[in-house]
Amino acid sequence: MNNNLISNLTSDTFHNISQLTELHLEGNKISELADNIFFALTKLKVLNLRGNRLTTFSDKVFGFKGSNLKELNLKGNRLTELSSLSSLTSLTNLVVSSNQLSNLPEDIFRNVTVLEYLDLSENQLISLPEMIFQDLFSLTVIHLNNNNLSKVDAKQFEDQVLIQQLYLSDNQLETLPLGLLDSFATQFIVRLQGNPWKCDCHMWYLHDWVMRNSQDIEMLDRMLCESPAFLRRQPVVSIDRDQLVCWPSKDATPDLSRCSQEASNDTVIIKCKVEKCAPLTVRVQFQEDDGSVKEHVLNHEPEDSHCSNKTVSITSE
C-alpha cells in the first residue's frame, strides 16, 4: 500500500486480517492513527509508516499486549513527540529519524529490552534523559547524529556493552564526559565529526580515547576543533595533549598583566598581585623527557575578616 494517497485509517481498517505479518504504508498522507488500530494484528512483525504526516500518536495504537512487532519505521514524518513504546516487547528495530523530536520521555523504551537497532538521527534533540537506555543490553546500533545535543551523561551508554555503531556526529557537543566510551566490549564504529569541539583541558579524556581508538573512528580527519582560536579547524588527532590547556578567564581571575616572572639559574619565581579578597589557584607543571608530568598546586584563599592585597609567589626549582 505504498505511495498512494491514503490519508485516513479507521480503527476497524485492519480487522479480519489477523494473519498479516508485514504492513507497508510508506509514502502516504496519514496524519493520525486511531487508538487500537493495530490491535487485531497480533502476528504483525514489520510495520513501515515512513514518509507520512504523523505528528504524534497514542501509546494505545499498539493496544495489544505481548505484541510480536519486530520492526517499526517512522522515518520522515512530522513527529514532535513520541509516547511510550513499552507494549512493544518484541521490538528489535526502531527508526524514528527525520522527524521533529526535541525531547524524549525517560521511560519510552521501558520493557523494550530486546531492541538492537535504534535510529534517532535528524531530529532536534537537545538532550537525552540519563537513564533512557537503561537495561537495553541488546543494543548494537545507536544513531544520534544530526541533532542538537550539547551534552550526554557520563553513564548514558553504560549498559550498551555490545555496541557496534554509535553516531554522535553533527551535534553541538564541545566535549564528552569522562568514561563515556569505556564500557564497550566489542569492535565498534564511532562518528564524532561535525561537532564544535572545544580543545582545552576538558578534552583530555576524549583526546586520549581518540588517540587509542583512531582505527574505530570514521571520518577522523573531519573531527575538528572549533575553539580556541589558535587550534580552530585543526583535526583533534593532530593535536598534542599538552596543547589542550584552559586559559584563565579575565572575569574570574586577577589580570595576568599583574604577574611577573623572575629567573635565576635553576630557580623561577612567579609573583602575582591579587585584588582584595580575590582567591587564586596557581598550577605548575614539570614535564620530563619521557613525557611524564608532575604538577604542583598552590591555592590562595583569603580569610573573610583579614583579606587584603597580597602577593602570591611560587618558587620552582
C-alpha atoms as a PDB file:
ATOM      1  CA  MET A   1       0.000   0.000   0.000  1.00  0.00           C
ATOM      2  CA  ASN A   2       2.984   2.293  -0.578  1.00  0.00           C
ATOM      3  CA  ASN A   3       2.869   5.676  -2.308  1.00  0.00           C
ATOM      4  CA  ASN A   4      -0.868   6.079  -2.585  1.00  0.00           C
ATOM      5  CA  LEU A   5      -2.990   8.986  -1.366  1.00  0.00           C
ATOM      6  CA  ILE A   6      -4.188   7.272   1.797  1.00  0.00           C
ATOM      7  CA  SER A   7      -4.938   9.891   4.438  1.00  0.00           C
ATOM      8  CA  ASN A   8      -7.420   8.228   6.749  1.00  0.00           C
ATOM      9  CA  LEU A   9      -7.380   4.901   8.559  1.00  0.00           C
ATOM     10  CA  THR A  10     -10.251   3.938  10.845  1.00  0.00           C
ATOM     11  CA  SER A  11      -9.987   1.789  13.938  1.00  0.00           C
ATOM     12  CA  ASP A  12     -11.518  -1.206  12.106  1.00  0.00           C
ATOM     13  CA  THR A  13      -9.402  -0.922   8.921  1.00  0.00           C
ATOM     14  CA  PHE A  14      -7.323  -3.990   9.701  1.00  0.00           C
ATOM     15  CA  HIS A  15      -9.905  -6.184  11.387  1.00  0.00           C
ATOM     16  CA  ASN A  16     -10.409  -9.659   9.914  1.00  0.00           C
ATOM     17  CA  ILE A  17      -6.792  -9.897   8.632  1.00  0.00           C
ATOM     18  CA  SER A  18      -5.208 -11.138  11.821  1.00  0.00           C
ATOM     19  CA  GLN A  19      -2.706 -13.333   9.955  1.00  0.00           C
ATOM     20  CA  LEU A  20      -0.918 -10.300   8.445  1.00  0.00           C
ATOM     21  CA  THR A  21       2.820 -10.272   9.225  1.00  0.00           C
ATOM     22  CA  GLU A  22       4.012  -7.219   7.206  1.00  0.00           C
ATOM     23  CA  LEU A  23       2.289  -3.901   6.572  1.00  0.00           C
ATOM     24  CA  HIS A  24       3.841  -1.224   4.342  1.00  0.00           C
ATOM     25  CA  LEU A  25       2.142   2.175   4.272  1.00  0.00           C
ATOM     26  CA  GLU A  26       5.085   4.433   3.427  1.00  0.00           C
ATOM     27  CA  GLY A  27       4.702   7.488   1.199  1.00  0.00           C
ATOM     28  CA  ASN A  28       1.075   8.229   2.013  1.00  0.00           C
ATOM     29  CA  LYS A  29      -0.642  11.171   3.727  1.00  0.00           C
ATOM     30  CA  ILE A  30      -1.579   9.585   7.023  1.00  0.00           C
ATOM     31  CA  SER A  31      -1.698  12.226   9.776  1.00  0.00           C
ATOM     32  CA  GLU A  32      -3.487  10.311  12.529  1.00  0.00           C
ATOM     33  CA  LEU A  33      -3.581   6.804  13.934  1.00  0.00           C
ATOM     34  CA  ALA A  34      -6.685   5.767  15.835  1.00  0.00           C
ATOM     35  CA  ASP A  35      -6.342   4.015  19.179  1.00  0.00           C
ATOM     36  CA  ASN A  36      -6.190   0.226  18.834  1.00  0.00           C
ATOM     37  CA  ILE A  37      -5.873   0.476  15.041  1.00  0.00           C
ATOM     38  CA  PHE A  38      -3.315  -2.357  15.029  1.00  0.00           C
ATOM     39  CA  PHE A  39      -4.950  -4.244  17.899  1.00  0.00           C
ATOM     40  CA  ALA A  40      -6.120  -7.161  15.754  1.00  0.00           C
ATOM     41  CA  LEU A  41      -2.754  -7.650  14.040  1.00  0.00           C
ATOM     42  CA  THR A  42      -1.334  -9.959  16.664  1.00  0.00           C
ATOM     43  CA  LYS A  43       1.109 -11.579  14.216  1.00  0.00           C
ATOM     44  CA  LEU A  44       2.405  -8.363  12.674  1.00  0.00           C
ATOM     45  CA  LYS A  45       6.214  -8.301  12.613  1.00  0.00           C
ATOM     46  CA  VAL A  46       7.033  -5.399  10.256  1.00  0.00           C
ATOM     47  CA  LEU A  47       5.242  -2.032  10.166  1.00  0.00           C
ATOM     48  CA  ASN A  48       6.504   0.692   7.815  1.00  0.00           C
ATOM     49  CA  LEU A  49       4.928   4.153   8.131  1.00  0.00           C
ATOM     50  CA  ARG A  50       7.823   6.051   6.606  1.00  0.00           C
ATOM     51  CA  GLY A  51       7.125   9.335   4.822  1.00  0.00           C
ATOM     52  CA  ASN A  52       3.682  10.155   6.191  1.00  0.00           C
ATOM     53  CA  ARG A  53       2.371  13.169   8.131  1.00  0.00           C
ATOM     54  CA  LEU A  54       2.141  11.882  11.675  1.00  0.00           C
ATOM     55  CA  THR A  55       2.796  14.482  14.387  1.00  0.00           C
ATOM     56  CA  THR A  56       2.028  12.195  17.332  1.00  0.00           C
ATOM     57  CA  PHE A  57       0.138   9.044  18.248  1.00  0.00           C
ATOM     58  CA  SER A  58      -1.105   7.451  21.428  1.00  0.00           C
ATOM     59  CA  ASP A  59       0.596   4.513  23.082  1.00  0.00           C
ATOM     60  CA  LYS A  60      -2.780   2.792  22.688  1.00  0.00           C
ATOM     61  CA  VAL A  61      -2.196   2.432  18.938  1.00  0.00           C
ATOM     62  CA  PHE A  62      -0.428  -0.857  19.667  1.00  0.00           C
ATOM     63  CA  GLY A  63      -3.066  -1.777  22.225  1.00  0.00           C
ATOM     64  CA  PHE A  64      -2.430  -5.498  22.199  1.00  0.00           C
ATOM     65  CA  LYS A  65      -0.260  -6.906  24.959  1.00  0.00           C
ATOM     66  CA  GLY A  66       2.659  -9.085  24.009  1.00  0.00           C
ATOM     67  CA  SER A  67       2.978  -7.646  20.504  1.00  0.00           C
ATOM     68  CA  ASN A  68       5.058  -9.620  18.012  1.00  0.00           C
ATOM     69  CA  LEU A  69       6.137  -6.472  16.162  1.00  0.00           C
ATOM     70  CA  LYS A  70       9.869  -6.539  15.486  1.00  0.00           C
ATOM     71  CA  GLU A  71      10.454  -3.668  13.047  1.00  0.00           C
ATOM     72  CA  LEU A  72       8.850  -0.211  13.201  1.00  0.00           C
ATOM     73  CA  ASN A  73       9.811   2.527  10.719  1.00  0.00           C
ATOM     74  CA  LEU A  74       8.541   6.071  11.341  1.00  0.00           C
ATOM     75  CA  LYS A  75      11.199   7.938   9.379  1.00  0.00           C
ATOM     76  CA  GLY A  76      10.279  11.163   7.620  1.00  0.00           C
ATOM     77  CA  ASN A  77       7.085  12.019   9.449  1.00  0.00           C
ATOM     78  CA  ARG A  78       6.418  15.178  11.460  1.00  0.00           C
ATOM     79  CA  LEU A  79       6.589  13.710  14.937  1.00  0.00           C
ATOM     80  CA  THR A  80       7.055  16.323  17.673  1.00  0.00           C
ATOM     81  CA  GLU A  81       6.598  13.839  20.494  1.00  0.00           C
ATOM     82  CA  LEU A  82       6.809  10.100  20.967  1.00  0.00           C
ATOM     83  CA  SER A  83       4.795   8.175  23.528  1.00  0.00           C
ATOM     84  CA  SER A  84       5.962   5.150  25.447  1.00  0.00           C
ATOM     85  CA  LEU A  85       6.603   2.070  23.338  1.00  0.00           C
ATOM     86  CA  SER A  86       6.637  -0.239  26.362  1.00  0.00           C
ATOM     87  CA  SER A  87       3.998  -2.572  24.894  1.00  0.00           C
ATOM     88  CA  LEU A  88       6.333  -3.478  22.013  1.00  0.00           C
ATOM     89  CA  THR A  89       8.264  -6.056  23.971  1.00  0.00           C
ATOM     90  CA  SER A  90       9.480  -7.903  20.843  1.00  0.00           C
ATOM     91  CA  LEU A  91      10.751  -4.813  19.002  1.00  0.00           C
ATOM     92  CA  THR A  92      14.307  -5.166  17.665  1.00  0.00           C
ATOM     93  CA  ASN A  93      14.489  -2.377  15.038  1.00  0.00           C
ATOM     94  CA  LEU A  94      13.176   1.165  15.536  1.00  0.00           C
ATOM     95  CA  VAL A  95      13.704   4.021  13.059  1.00  0.00           C
ATOM     96  CA  VAL A  96      12.407   7.465  14.038  1.00  0.00           C
ATOM     97  CA  SER A  97      14.853   9.581  12.031  1.00  0.00           C
ATOM     98  CA  SER A  98      13.989  12.754  10.107  1.00  0.00           C
ATOM     99  CA  ASN A  99      11.254  13.951  12.439  1.00  0.00           C
ATOM    100  CA  GLN A 100      10.913  16.979  14.738  1.00  0.00           C
ATOM    101  CA  LEU A 101      11.563  15.444  18.152  1.00  0.00           C
ATOM    102  CA  SER A 102      13.174  17.806  20.671  1.00  0.00           C
ATOM    103  CA  ASN A 103      12.937  15.550  23.727  1.00  0.00           C
ATOM    104  CA  LEU A 104      12.034  12.010  24.719  1.00  0.00           C
ATOM    105  CA  PRO A 105      10.417  10.639  27.899  1.00  0.00           C
ATOM    106  CA  GLU A 106      12.777   8.687  30.127  1.00  0.00           C
ATOM    107  CA  ASP A 107      10.547   5.592  30.128  1.00  0.00           C
ATOM    108  CA  ILE A 108       9.983   5.443  26.373  1.00  0.00           C
ATOM    109  CA  PHE A 109      11.918   2.171  25.979  1.00  0.00           C
ATOM    110  CA  ARG A 110      10.824   0.521  29.197  1.00  0.00           C
ATOM    111  CA  ASN A 111      10.233  -3.201  28.559  1.00  0.00           C
ATOM    112  CA  VAL A 112      11.662  -2.901  25.014  1.00  0.00           C
ATOM    113  CA  THR A 113      14.642  -4.870  26.242  1.00  0.00           C
ATOM    114  CA  VAL A 114      15.446  -6.778  23.035  1.00  0.00           C
ATOM    115  CA  LEU A 115      15.912  -3.629  20.962  1.00  0.00           C
ATOM    116  CA  GLU A 116      19.015  -3.918  18.772  1.00  0.00           C
ATOM    117  CA  TYR A 117      18.846  -1.107  16.217  1.00  0.00           C
ATOM    118  CA  LEU A 118      17.810   2.460  17.139  1.00  0.00           C
ATOM    119  CA  ASP A 119      17.890   5.403  14.726  1.00  0.00           C
ATOM    120  CA  LEU A 120      17.021   8.819  16.220  1.00  0.00           C
ATOM    121  CA  SER A 121      19.074  10.834  13.734  1.00  0.00           C
ATOM    122  CA  GLU A 122      17.995  14.052  12.020  1.00  0.00           C
ATOM    123  CA  ASN A 123      15.733  15.301  14.782  1.00  0.00           C
ATOM    124  CA  GLN A 124      16.017  18.298  17.114  1.00  0.00           C
ATOM    125  CA  LEU A 125      17.038  16.517  20.306  1.00  0.00           C
ATOM    126  CA  ILE A 126      18.737  18.882  22.736  1.00  0.00           C
ATOM    127  CA  SER A 127      19.445  16.346  25.487  1.00  0.00           C
ATOM    128  CA  LEU A 128      18.661  12.766  26.498  1.00  0.00           C
ATOM    129  CA  PRO A 129      17.342  11.506  29.836  1.00  0.00           C
ATOM    130  CA  GLU A 130      20.194   9.932  31.777  1.00  0.00           C
ATOM    131  CA  MET A 131      18.539   6.501  32.068  1.00  0.00           C
ATOM    132  CA  ILE A 132      16.801   6.354  28.676  1.00  0.00           C
ATOM    133  CA  PHE A 133      18.912   3.377  27.507  1.00  0.00           C
ATOM    134  CA  GLN A 134      18.935   1.573  30.844  1.00  0.00           C
ATOM    135  CA  ASP A 135      18.590  -2.222  30.567  1.00  0.00           C
ATOM    136  CA  LEU A 136      18.789  -2.142  26.755  1.00  0.00           C
ATOM    137  CA  PHE A 137      21.613  -4.674  26.798  1.00  0.00           C
ATOM    138  CA  SER A 138      20.991  -5.865  23.219  1.00  0.00           C
ATOM    139  CA  LEU A 139      21.512  -2.500  21.524  1.00  0.00           C
ATOM    140  CA  THR A 140      24.214  -2.737  18.870  1.00  0.00           C
ATOM    141  CA  VAL A 141      23.402   0.383  16.797  1.00  0.00           C
ATOM    142  CA  ILE A 142      22.543   3.882  18.081  1.00  0.00           C
ATOM    143  CA  HIS A 143      22.282   6.739  15.593  1.00  0.00           C
ATOM    144  CA  LEU A 144      22.024  10.151  17.259  1.00  0.00           C
ATOM    145  CA  ASN A 145      23.688  12.154  14.503  1.00  0.00           C
ATOM    146  CA  ASN A 146      22.273  15.413  13.137  1.00  0.00           C
ATOM    147  CA  ASN A 147      20.553  16.576  16.307  1.00  0.00           C
ATOM    148  CA  ASN A 148      21.207  19.490  18.684  1.00  0.00           C
ATOM    149  CA  LEU A 149      22.798  17.541  21.534  1.00  0.00           C
ATOM    150  CA  SER A 150      25.110  19.754  23.569  1.00  0.00           C
ATOM    151  CA  LYS A 151      25.923  17.141  26.196  1.00  0.00           C
ATOM    152  CA  VAL A 152      25.482  13.483  27.068  1.00  0.00           C
ATOM    153  CA  ASP A 153      25.587  11.957  30.524  1.00  0.00           C
ATOM    154  CA  ALA A 154      28.692  10.049  31.602  1.00  0.00           C
ATOM    155  CA  LYS A 155      26.558   6.892  32.140  1.00  0.00           C
ATOM    156  CA  GLN A 156      24.446   7.340  29.002  1.00  0.00           C
ATOM    157  CA  PHE A 157      25.686   4.128  27.347  1.00  0.00           C
ATOM    158  CA  GLU A 158      26.654   2.180  30.453  1.00  0.00           C
ATOM    159  CA  ASP A 159      24.508  -0.863  29.530  1.00  0.00           C
ATOM    160  CA  GLN A 160      25.434  -0.932  25.823  1.00  0.00           C
ATOM    161  CA  VAL A 161      28.445  -3.223  26.053  1.00  0.00           C
ATOM    162  CA  LEU A 162      27.643  -4.834  22.669  1.00  0.00           C
ATOM    163  CA  ILE A 163      27.556  -1.591  20.707  1.00  0.00           C
ATOM    164  CA  GLN A 164      28.784  -1.817  17.098  1.00  0.00           C
ATOM    165  CA  GLN A 165      27.814   1.635  15.800  1.00  0.00           C
ATOM    166  CA  LEU A 166      27.497   4.880  17.733  1.00  0.00           C
ATOM    167  CA  TYR A 167      26.911   8.012  15.675  1.00  0.00           C
ATOM    168  CA  LEU A 168      27.187  11.317  17.564  1.00  0.00           C
ATOM    169  CA  SER A 169      28.246  13.381  14.556  1.00  0.00           C
ATOM    170  CA  ASP A 170      26.774  16.772  13.616  1.00  0.00           C
ATOM    171  CA  ASN A 171      25.539  17.816  17.025  1.00  0.00           C
ATOM    172  CA  GLN A 172      26.575  20.668  19.355  1.00  0.00           C
ATOM    173  CA  LEU A 173      28.985  18.697  21.535  1.00  0.00           C
ATOM    174  CA  GLU A 174      32.069  20.518  22.839  1.00  0.00           C
ATOM    175  CA  THR A 175      33.467  17.600  24.807  1.00  0.00           C
ATOM    176  CA  LEU A 176      32.492  14.166  26.164  1.00  0.00           C
ATOM    177  CA  PRO A 177      32.391  13.221  29.861  1.00  0.00           C
ATOM    178  CA  LEU A 178      34.999  11.015  31.483  1.00  0.00           C
ATOM    179  CA  GLY A 179      34.374   7.302  30.917  1.00  0.00           C
ATOM    180  CA  LEU A 180      31.502   7.673  28.420  1.00  0.00           C
ATOM    181  CA  LEU A 181      33.018   5.321  25.836  1.00  0.00           C
ATOM    182  CA  ASP A 182      34.753   2.888  28.166  1.00  0.00           C
ATOM    183  CA  SER A 183      32.014   0.284  28.618  1.00  0.00           C
ATOM    184  CA  PHE A 184      32.012  -1.020  25.034  1.00  0.00           C
ATOM    185  CA  ALA A 185      33.382  -4.549  24.923  1.00  0.00           C
ATOM    186  CA  THR A 186      33.291  -5.417  21.202  1.00  0.00           C
ATOM    187  CA  GLN A 187      34.664  -3.943  17.975  1.00  0.00           C
ATOM    188  CA  PHE A 188      32.665  -0.841  17.117  1.00  0.00           C
ATOM    189  CA  ILE A 189      32.493   2.205  14.836  1.00  0.00           C
ATOM    190  CA  VAL A 190      32.036   5.768  16.100  1.00  0.00           C
ATOM    191  CA  ARG A 191      31.312   9.000  14.239  1.00  0.00           C
ATOM    192  CA  LEU A 192      32.194  12.233  16.024  1.00  0.00           C
ATOM    193  CA  GLN A 193      32.748  14.761  13.221  1.00  0.00           C
ATOM    194  CA  GLY A 194      30.678  17.910  12.767  1.00  0.00           C
ATOM    195  CA  ASN A 195      30.667  18.968  16.425  1.00  0.00           C
ATOM    196  CA  PRO A 196      32.136  22.267  17.738  1.00  0.00           C
ATOM    197  CA  TRP A 197      34.831  20.518  19.786  1.00  0.00           C
ATOM    198  CA  LYS A 198      36.408  22.732  22.436  1.00  0.00           C
ATOM    199  CA  CYS A 199      40.040  21.683  22.502  1.00  0.00           C
ATOM    200  CA  ASP A 200      41.059  22.670  26.031  1.00  0.00           C
ATOM    201  CA  CYS A 201      41.918  20.817  29.242  1.00  0.00           C
ATOM    202  CA  HIS A 202      38.374  19.432  29.494  1.00  0.00           C
ATOM    203  CA  MET A 203      39.056  17.386  26.387  1.00  0.00           C
ATOM    204  CA  TRP A 204      41.882  15.285  27.828  1.00  0.00           C
ATOM    205  CA  TYR A 205      39.706  12.179  28.182  1.00  0.00           C
ATOM    206  CA  LEU A 206      38.277  12.353  24.656  1.00  0.00           C
ATOM    207  CA  HIS A 207      41.660  13.187  23.118  1.00  0.00           C
ATOM    208  CA  ASP A 208      43.322  10.217  24.811  1.00  0.00           C
ATOM    209  CA  TRP A 209      40.457   7.931  23.752  1.00  0.00           C
ATOM    210  CA  VAL A 210      40.649   9.137  20.146  1.00  0.00           C
ATOM    211  CA  MET A 211      44.396   8.528  20.001  1.00  0.00           C
ATOM    212  CA  ARG A 212      43.965   4.972  21.339  1.00  0.00           C
ATOM    213  CA  ASN A 213      40.991   4.090  19.142  1.00  0.00           C
ATOM    214  CA  SER A 214      41.630   6.044  15.943  1.00  0.00           C
ATOM    215  CA  GLN A 215      41.030   2.921  13.823  1.00  0.00           C
ATOM    216  CA  ASP A 216      37.440   2.753  15.119  1.00  0.00           C
ATOM    217  CA  ILE A 217      36.506   6.361  14.263  1.00  0.00           C
ATOM    218  CA  GLU A 218      35.058   7.061  10.827  1.00  0.00           C
ATOM    219  CA  MET A 219      35.979  10.327   9.068  1.00  0.00           C
ATOM    220  CA  LEU A 220      38.505  11.102  11.796  1.00  0.00           C
ATOM    221  CA  ASP A 221      40.108  13.833   9.680  1.00  0.00           C
ATOM    222  CA  ARG A 222      36.804  15.729   9.859  1.00  0.00           C
ATOM    223  CA  MET A 223      36.711  15.753  13.661  1.00  0.00           C
ATOM    224  CA  LEU A 224      37.911  19.352  14.069  1.00  0.00           C
ATOM    225  CA  CYS A 225      38.478  21.796  16.896  1.00  0.00           C
ATOM    226  CA  GLU A 226      36.146  24.780  16.914  1.00  0.00           C
ATOM    227  CA  SER A 227      37.982  26.580  19.721  1.00  0.00           C
ATOM    228  CA  PRO A 228      40.275  28.019  20.980  1.00  0.00           C
ATOM    229  CA  ALA A 229      41.135  30.220  18.023  1.00  0.00           C
ATOM    230  CA  PHE A 230      44.736  29.013  17.625  1.00  0.00           C
ATOM    231  CA  LEU A 231      43.512  25.419  17.167  1.00  0.00           C
ATOM    232  CA  ARG A 232      40.397  26.145  15.135  1.00  0.00           C
ATOM    233  CA  ARG A 233      39.826  23.826  12.141  1.00  0.00           C
ATOM    234  CA  GLN A 234      42.649  21.525  13.200  1.00  0.00           C
ATOM    235  CA  PRO A 235      41.869  17.783  13.416  1.00  0.00           C
ATOM    236  CA  VAL A 236      41.744  16.599  17.032  1.00  0.00           C
ATOM    237  CA  VAL A 237      44.009  13.671  16.165  1.00  0.00           C
ATOM    238  CA  SER A 238      46.760  16.073  15.023  1.00  0.00           C
ATOM    239  CA  ILE A 239      46.950  17.935  18.339  1.00  0.00           C
ATOM    240  CA  ASP A 240      49.371  17.113  21.146  1.00  0.00           C
ATOM    241  CA  ARG A 241      47.896  16.621  24.584  1.00  0.00           C
ATOM    242  CA  ASP A 242      49.945  19.471  26.047  1.00  0.00           C
ATOM    243  CA  GLN A 243      48.185  21.876  23.664  1.00  0.00           C
ATOM    244  CA  LEU A 244      44.887  21.189  25.438  1.00  0.00           C
ATOM    245  CA  VAL A 245      45.078  23.906  28.072  1.00  0.00           C
ATOM    246  CA  CYS A 246      42.492  26.002  29.899  1.00  0.00           C
ATOM    247  CA  TRP A 247      43.228  29.687  29.815  1.00  0.00           C
ATOM    248  CA  PRO A 248      42.178  31.789  32.811  1.00  0.00           C
ATOM    249  CA  SER A 249      39.090  33.928  32.356  1.00  0.00           C
ATOM    250  CA  LYS A 250      39.675  37.636  32.826  1.00  0.00           C
ATOM    251  CA  ASP A 251      36.378  37.842  34.712  1.00  0.00           C
ATOM    252  CA  ALA A 252      37.236  35.007  37.079  1.00  0.00           C
ATOM    253  CA  THR A 253      40.913  35.624  37.861  1.00  0.00           C
ATOM    254  CA  PRO A 254      43.218  38.561  38.500  1.00  0.00           C
ATOM    255  CA  ASP A 255      44.612  40.414  35.499  1.00  0.00           C
ATOM    256  CA  LEU A 256      47.602  38.348  34.356  1.00  0.00           C
ATOM    257  CA  SER A 257      49.422  41.501  33.388  1.00  0.00           C
ATOM    258  CA  ARG A 258      49.963  41.989  37.120  1.00  0.00           C
ATOM    259  CA  CYS A 259      52.044  38.805  37.283  1.00  0.00           C
ATOM    260  CA  SER A 260      55.791  38.927  36.917  1.00  0.00           C
ATOM    261  CA  GLN A 261      58.422  36.251  36.449  1.00  0.00           C
ATOM    262  CA  GLU A 262      61.988  36.142  37.664  1.00  0.00           C
ATOM    263  CA  ALA A 263      64.574  33.514  36.734  1.00  0.00           C
ATOM    264  CA  SER A 264      67.975  32.821  38.215  1.00  0.00           C
ATOM    265  CA  ASN A 265      69.979  29.679  37.459  1.00  0.00           C
ATOM    266  CA  ASP A 266      67.610  26.780  38.179  1.00  0.00           C
ATOM    267  CA  THR A 267      65.025  28.848  40.068  1.00  0.00           C
ATOM    268  CA  VAL A 268      61.865  30.513  38.665  1.00  0.00           C
ATOM    269  CA  ILE A 269      59.797  32.893  40.775  1.00  0.00           C
ATOM    270  CA  ILE A 270      56.299  33.934  39.699  1.00  0.00           C
ATOM    271  CA  LYS A 271      54.676  36.830  41.561  1.00  0.00           C
ATOM    272  CA  CYS A 272      51.029  37.814  41.103  1.00  0.00           C
ATOM    273  CA  LYS A 273      49.416  40.762  42.843  1.00  0.00           C
ATOM    274  CA  VAL A 274      45.945  39.748  43.975  1.00  0.00           C
ATOM    275  CA  GLU A 275      42.923  42.028  44.276  1.00  0.00           C
ATOM    276  CA  LYS A 276      41.471  42.418  47.744  1.00  0.00           C
ATOM    277  CA  CYS A 277      39.826  39.181  48.887  1.00  0.00           C
ATOM    278  CA  ALA A 278      40.298  37.552  45.458  1.00  0.00           C
ATOM    279  CA  PRO A 279      41.123  33.818  45.529  1.00  0.00           C
ATOM    280  CA  LEU A 280      43.830  32.460  43.261  1.00  0.00           C
ATOM    281  CA  THR A 281      44.978  28.986  42.228  1.00  0.00           C
ATOM    282  CA  VAL A 282      48.375  28.581  40.570  1.00  0.00           C
ATOM    283  CA  ARG A 283      49.324  25.270  38.939  1.00  0.00           C
ATOM    284  CA  VAL A 284      52.906  24.485  37.981  1.00  0.00           C
ATOM    285  CA  GLN A 285      53.639  21.504  35.745  1.00  0.00           C
ATOM    286  CA  PHE A 286      57.017  19.857  35.228  1.00  0.00           C
ATOM    287  CA  GLN A 287      57.270  17.739  32.079  1.00  0.00           C
ATOM    288  CA  GLU A 288      60.220  15.351  31.984  1.00  0.00           C
ATOM    289  CA  ASP A 289      61.986  13.959  28.918  1.00  0.00           C
ATOM    290  CA  ASP A 290      59.888  10.782  28.968  1.00  0.00           C
ATOM    291  CA  GLY A 291      56.680  12.844  28.717  1.00  0.00           C
ATOM    292  CA  SER A 292      55.581  12.297  32.325  1.00  0.00           C
ATOM    293  CA  VAL A 293      54.103  15.343  34.045  1.00  0.00           C
ATOM    294  CA  LYS A 294      54.290  16.274  37.713  1.00  0.00           C
ATOM    295  CA  GLU A 295      52.003  19.028  38.930  1.00  0.00           C
ATOM    296  CA  HIS A 296      52.120  21.267  41.995  1.00  0.00           C
ATOM    297  CA  VAL A 297      49.158  23.379  43.069  1.00  0.00           C
ATOM    298  CA  LEU A 298      49.104  26.431  45.335  1.00  0.00           C
ATOM    299  CA  ASN A 299      45.761  27.839  46.481  1.00  0.00           C
ATOM    300  CA  HIS A 300      45.395  31.352  47.833  1.00  0.00           C
ATOM    301  CA  GLU A 301      42.110  31.675  49.755  1.00  0.00           C
ATOM    302  CA  PRO A 302      41.841  34.926  51.763  1.00  0.00           C
ATOM    303  CA  GLU A 303      40.085  34.800  55.112  1.00  0.00           C
ATOM    304  CA  ASP A 304      36.854  36.772  55.198  1.00  0.00           C
ATOM    305  CA  SER A 305      37.837  39.050  58.053  1.00  0.00           C
ATOM    306  CA  HIS A 306      41.506  39.511  57.252  1.00  0.00           C
ATOM    307  CA  CYS A 307      41.727  39.706  53.488  1.00  0.00           C
ATOM    308  CA  SER A 308      43.883  42.409  51.918  1.00  0.00           C
ATOM    309  CA  ASN A 309      46.049  42.994  48.873  1.00  0.00           C
ATOM    310  CA  LYS A 310      48.776  40.360  48.856  1.00  0.00           C
ATOM    311  CA  THR A 311      51.460  38.985  46.618  1.00  0.00           C
ATOM    312  CA  VAL A 312      51.488  35.263  45.919  1.00  0.00           C
ATOM    313  CA  SER A 313      54.841  33.787  44.976  1.00  0.00           C
ATOM    314  CA  ILE A 314      55.779  30.365  43.692  1.00  0.00           C
ATOM    315  CA  THR A 315      59.345  29.155  43.631  1.00  0.00           C
ATOM    316  CA  SER A 316      60.071  26.216  41.350  1.00  0.00           C
ATOM    317  CA  GLU A 317      63.459  24.596  41.433  1.00  0.00           C
END
